[in-house]
Amino acid sequence: MKKLNILILMFTLLIFASFRVENDEVKIWTQQTTTNKAIDFEKSISKKIKYLEMNVSLSKSIYPLVDKYKIAKPIIIQRHQTGFLPLYTEYFYSEPDSIIRYISYDWEKEKYGNFFKKQEIWKEESKKLKEYNSEYEKIKSTLIVQLGEPTTQDTEPQKTESTSGRGYYLSRNTVWETDEYYSKLNMIFESMTYRIRWYYYWKK
C-alpha cells in the first residue's frame, strides 16, 4: 500500500511538472501577416490582455528597413503576468497594408511606468541578477525549440561599456539569423534598465 501511495505521488508530481513547463513556455508570433492575426493569437493565449497606447518608434540601428516602409505606431499588448516578469508584446506594421514588419517582446517591470516609481523598482531589481539570468535561460530554451539553434550565443552575462556614459553594465545576447529573418534575445542589467527583450524582423 505504501509503495502504491509513493507511485501515485510521483505520478502526480510528474503531471504537475509537465503542466508547469507547458504554462511557462514563451508563446511567440513569427508569421508576417496582417495585425489582426497577431491580435487573435494574443487573445488565444489569454483573455486578460491590456492594450496600451504609446508613441513608440523604431530606429535604423535596430530595424535596418525602417526607411523602406511607412511604419505606424505599434500595437502594444501587456499580457497577463504568469511568470517572474511582466511581458509587453509590440507589433510594428506598415501602412496602409497593416502587415507586420517588426516584433518586440519586452520582459520588464513597469516598462511604461512613472519615472519616479521606477527608481524604487530599479533598486530592488539591482539585487536580482540571478533571477534575471535564470529567466533569460528559460526564455532562450523555449525560443530554441521554436527557432532552432542560435547563430551566436553567450553562456553568461558579459561586461559591456555603456554608450551613455554610465560606465559598465551586464548584458547577454543570443542571435538567430537566416536569409529571411533576423532575431535577437537580449538582456540588459544596468542601473536604469533591467530588461529582457526578444525581437524579430524580416529582411524583405
Protein backbone atom coordinates (compact mmCIF):
# COMPACT_ATOMS: atom_id res chain seq x y z
CA MET A 1 0.00 0.00 0.00
CA LYS A 2 2.88 2.33 0.88
CA LYS A 3 4.56 1.67 -2.48
CA LEU A 4 1.29 2.39 -4.26
CA ASN A 5 0.97 5.74 -2.47
CA ILE A 6 4.53 6.65 -3.43
CA LEU A 7 3.85 5.77 -7.08
CA ILE A 8 0.68 7.87 -7.08
CA LEU A 9 2.58 10.80 -5.54
CA MET A 10 5.38 10.52 -8.11
CA PHE A 11 2.88 10.38 -10.96
CA THR A 12 1.06 13.44 -9.61
CA LEU A 13 4.32 15.40 -9.34
CA LEU A 14 5.23 14.41 -12.90
CA ILE A 15 1.88 15.63 -14.22
CA PHE A 16 2.27 18.88 -12.27
CA ALA A 17 5.79 19.44 -13.60
CA SER A 18 4.62 18.85 -17.18
CA PHE A 19 1.79 21.32 -16.68
CA ARG A 20 4.18 23.96 -15.33
CA VAL A 21 6.57 23.58 -18.28
CA GLU A 22 3.72 23.98 -20.75
CA ASN A 23 2.42 27.09 -18.98
CA ASP A 24 5.88 28.66 -18.70
CA GLU A 25 6.62 28.23 -22.40
CA VAL A 26 7.06 31.53 -24.20
CA LYS A 27 4.50 31.79 -26.96
CA ILE A 28 5.78 33.88 -29.87
CA TRP A 29 4.40 35.08 -33.20
CA THR A 30 6.73 34.84 -36.20
CA GLN A 31 4.36 34.98 -39.16
CA GLN A 32 4.43 38.00 -41.46
CA THR A 33 0.70 38.54 -41.57
CA THR A 34 -1.68 41.40 -41.00
CA THR A 35 -2.02 42.66 -37.45
CA ASN A 36 -5.46 41.17 -36.86
CA LYS A 37 -4.00 37.64 -36.92
CA ALA A 38 -1.39 38.56 -34.32
CA ILE A 39 -4.15 40.04 -32.14
CA ASP A 40 -6.14 36.81 -32.49
CA PHE A 41 -3.01 34.95 -31.44
CA GLU A 42 -2.65 37.12 -28.33
CA LYS A 43 -6.31 36.57 -27.45
CA SER A 44 -5.86 32.81 -27.83
CA ILE A 45 -3.17 32.87 -25.13
CA SER A 46 -5.22 34.76 -22.57
CA LYS A 47 -8.34 36.87 -22.43
CA LYS A 48 -6.65 39.00 -19.77
CA ILE A 49 -4.69 41.26 -22.11
CA LYS A 50 -4.32 45.00 -21.92
CA TYR A 51 -3.88 47.33 -24.90
CA LEU A 52 -1.53 50.29 -24.44
CA GLU A 53 -1.38 53.48 -26.48
CA MET A 54 2.20 54.75 -26.66
CA ASN A 55 4.24 56.83 -29.09
CA VAL A 56 6.94 54.28 -29.86
CA SER A 57 9.11 54.32 -32.97
CA LEU A 58 11.93 52.28 -34.49
CA SER A 59 15.45 53.42 -35.28
CA LYS A 60 17.51 52.24 -38.22
CA SER A 61 20.08 50.76 -35.84
CA ILE A 62 17.61 48.12 -34.68
CA TYR A 63 15.50 47.84 -37.84
CA PRO A 64 17.57 48.48 -40.98
CA LEU A 65 14.48 48.62 -43.24
CA VAL A 66 12.72 51.37 -41.29
CA ASP A 67 13.10 53.81 -44.22
CA LYS A 68 11.59 51.35 -46.68
CA TYR A 69 8.12 51.36 -45.13
CA LYS A 70 5.77 53.81 -43.51
CA ILE A 71 5.74 52.27 -40.03
CA ALA A 72 2.73 53.03 -37.85
CA LYS A 73 2.66 53.21 -34.07
CA PRO A 74 2.82 49.62 -32.83
CA ILE A 75 0.03 47.56 -31.37
CA ILE A 76 1.19 47.11 -27.78
CA ILE A 77 -0.29 44.40 -25.60
CA GLN A 78 0.52 43.69 -21.98
CA ARG A 79 -0.09 40.01 -21.37
CA HIS A 80 -1.48 38.68 -18.12
CA GLN A 81 1.57 38.09 -15.92
CA THR A 82 2.23 34.48 -15.03
CA GLY A 83 5.98 34.42 -14.55
CA PHE A 84 8.78 36.39 -12.92
CA LEU A 85 8.41 39.48 -15.14
CA PRO A 86 5.52 41.19 -16.97
CA LEU A 87 5.54 40.75 -20.75
CA TYR A 88 4.77 43.52 -23.24
CA THR A 89 4.39 42.49 -26.89
CA GLU A 90 4.76 45.10 -29.65
CA TYR A 91 3.78 44.56 -33.27
CA PHE A 92 5.09 47.20 -35.67
CA TYR A 93 3.33 47.25 -39.02
CA SER A 94 3.40 49.17 -42.28
CA GLU A 95 0.66 51.43 -43.57
CA PRO A 96 -1.73 51.10 -45.30
CA ASP A 97 -1.49 47.28 -45.64
CA SER A 98 -1.23 46.52 -41.85
CA ILE A 99 1.46 43.88 -42.49
CA ILE A 100 3.73 43.19 -39.51
CA ARG A 101 7.34 44.16 -40.18
CA TYR A 102 8.99 44.06 -36.76
CA ILE A 103 8.10 42.33 -33.47
CA SER A 104 9.44 43.10 -30.00
CA TYR A 105 8.68 41.32 -26.71
CA ASP A 106 9.88 43.01 -23.52
CA TRP A 107 10.03 41.36 -20.11
CA GLU A 108 10.32 44.37 -17.82
CA LYS A 109 8.71 45.74 -14.68
CA GLU A 110 6.72 48.95 -15.24
CA LYS A 111 8.06 49.37 -18.79
CA TYR A 112 5.82 52.38 -19.35
CA GLY A 113 5.51 53.32 -15.69
CA ASN A 114 6.16 56.57 -13.87
CA PHE A 115 9.86 57.50 -13.83
CA PHE A 116 9.94 58.22 -10.09
CA LYS A 117 8.18 54.97 -9.30
CA LYS A 118 10.66 53.11 -11.48
CA GLN A 119 13.58 54.43 -9.44
CA GLU A 120 12.37 52.38 -6.47
CA ILE A 121 11.88 49.37 -8.71
CA TRP A 122 15.44 49.68 -10.05
CA LYS A 123 16.83 49.50 -6.51
CA GLU A 124 15.04 46.21 -5.96
CA GLU A 125 15.87 44.77 -9.38
CA SER A 126 19.58 45.52 -8.96
CA LYS A 127 19.70 42.70 -6.39
CA LYS A 128 18.21 40.09 -8.73
CA LEU A 129 20.91 39.22 -11.27
CA LYS A 130 20.49 35.50 -10.56
CA GLU A 131 16.73 35.71 -11.19
CA TYR A 132 17.15 37.67 -14.43
CA ASN A 133 19.78 35.27 -15.68
CA SER A 134 17.53 32.32 -14.87
CA GLU A 135 14.59 33.95 -16.68
CA TYR A 136 16.82 34.64 -19.69
CA GLU A 137 17.84 30.97 -19.84
CA LYS A 138 14.21 29.85 -19.63
CA ILE A 139 13.15 32.16 -22.46
CA LYS A 140 16.18 31.20 -24.53
CA SER A 141 15.40 27.48 -24.16
CA THR A 142 11.84 27.87 -25.41
CA LEU A 143 12.98 30.08 -28.31
CA ILE A 144 15.47 27.39 -29.36
CA VAL A 145 12.61 24.90 -29.52
CA GLN A 146 10.70 27.24 -31.81
CA LEU A 147 13.52 28.84 -33.84
CA GLY A 148 16.23 26.18 -33.75
CA GLU A 149 19.83 26.50 -32.62
CA PRO A 150 21.16 30.09 -32.45
CA THR A 151 23.69 31.52 -34.86
CA THR A 152 25.64 33.02 -31.96
CA GLN A 153 25.17 32.92 -28.19
CA ASP A 154 26.91 33.60 -24.92
CA THR A 155 26.86 31.43 -21.81
CA GLU A 156 26.86 34.10 -19.10
CA PRO A 157 26.44 37.86 -18.57
CA GLN A 158 29.08 39.96 -20.31
CA LYS A 159 30.58 43.23 -19.08
CA THR A 160 29.56 45.91 -21.59
CA GLU A 161 30.54 49.58 -21.78
CA SER A 162 27.60 52.00 -21.76
CA THR A 163 27.23 54.36 -24.73
CA SER A 164 25.50 56.91 -22.49
CA GLY A 165 28.45 57.48 -20.16
CA ARG A 166 27.12 55.42 -17.24
CA GLY A 167 30.13 53.13 -17.01
CA TYR A 168 29.73 49.38 -17.48
CA TYR A 169 26.72 47.11 -17.24
CA LEU A 170 25.96 43.42 -17.73
CA SER A 171 24.33 42.08 -20.87
CA ARG A 172 23.56 38.85 -22.68
CA ASN A 173 22.85 38.20 -26.36
CA THR A 174 21.61 35.29 -28.44
CA VAL A 175 21.11 35.68 -32.20
CA TRP A 176 19.16 33.67 -34.78
CA GLU A 177 19.69 34.68 -38.40
CA THR A 178 18.74 33.26 -41.79
CA ASP A 179 18.37 34.70 -45.28
CA GLU A 180 14.76 35.55 -44.39
CA TYR A 181 14.87 36.97 -40.86
CA TYR A 182 16.97 38.32 -38.01
CA SER A 183 16.11 37.65 -34.38
CA LYS A 184 17.82 38.50 -31.11
CA LEU A 185 17.31 37.79 -27.42
CA ASN A 186 18.98 40.44 -25.28
CA MET A 187 19.29 41.08 -21.56
CA ILE A 188 20.36 44.40 -20.04
CA PHE A 189 21.16 44.57 -16.34
CA GLU A 190 22.09 48.17 -15.68
CA SER A 191 21.41 50.97 -13.19
CA MET A 192 18.38 52.33 -15.10
CA THR A 193 17.42 49.35 -17.26
CA TYR A 194 16.56 45.86 -16.08
CA ARG A 195 15.05 44.13 -19.09
CA ILE A 196 14.97 41.05 -21.28
CA ARG A 197 13.99 41.71 -24.90
CA TRP A 198 13.37 39.44 -27.85
CA TYR A 199 12.92 40.99 -31.28
CA TYR A 200 12.33 39.60 -34.74
CA TYR A 201 12.13 41.15 -38.18
CA TRP A 202 12.01 40.05 -41.80
CA LYS A 203 14.77 41.09 -44.17
CA LYS A 204 12.43 41.79 -47.06
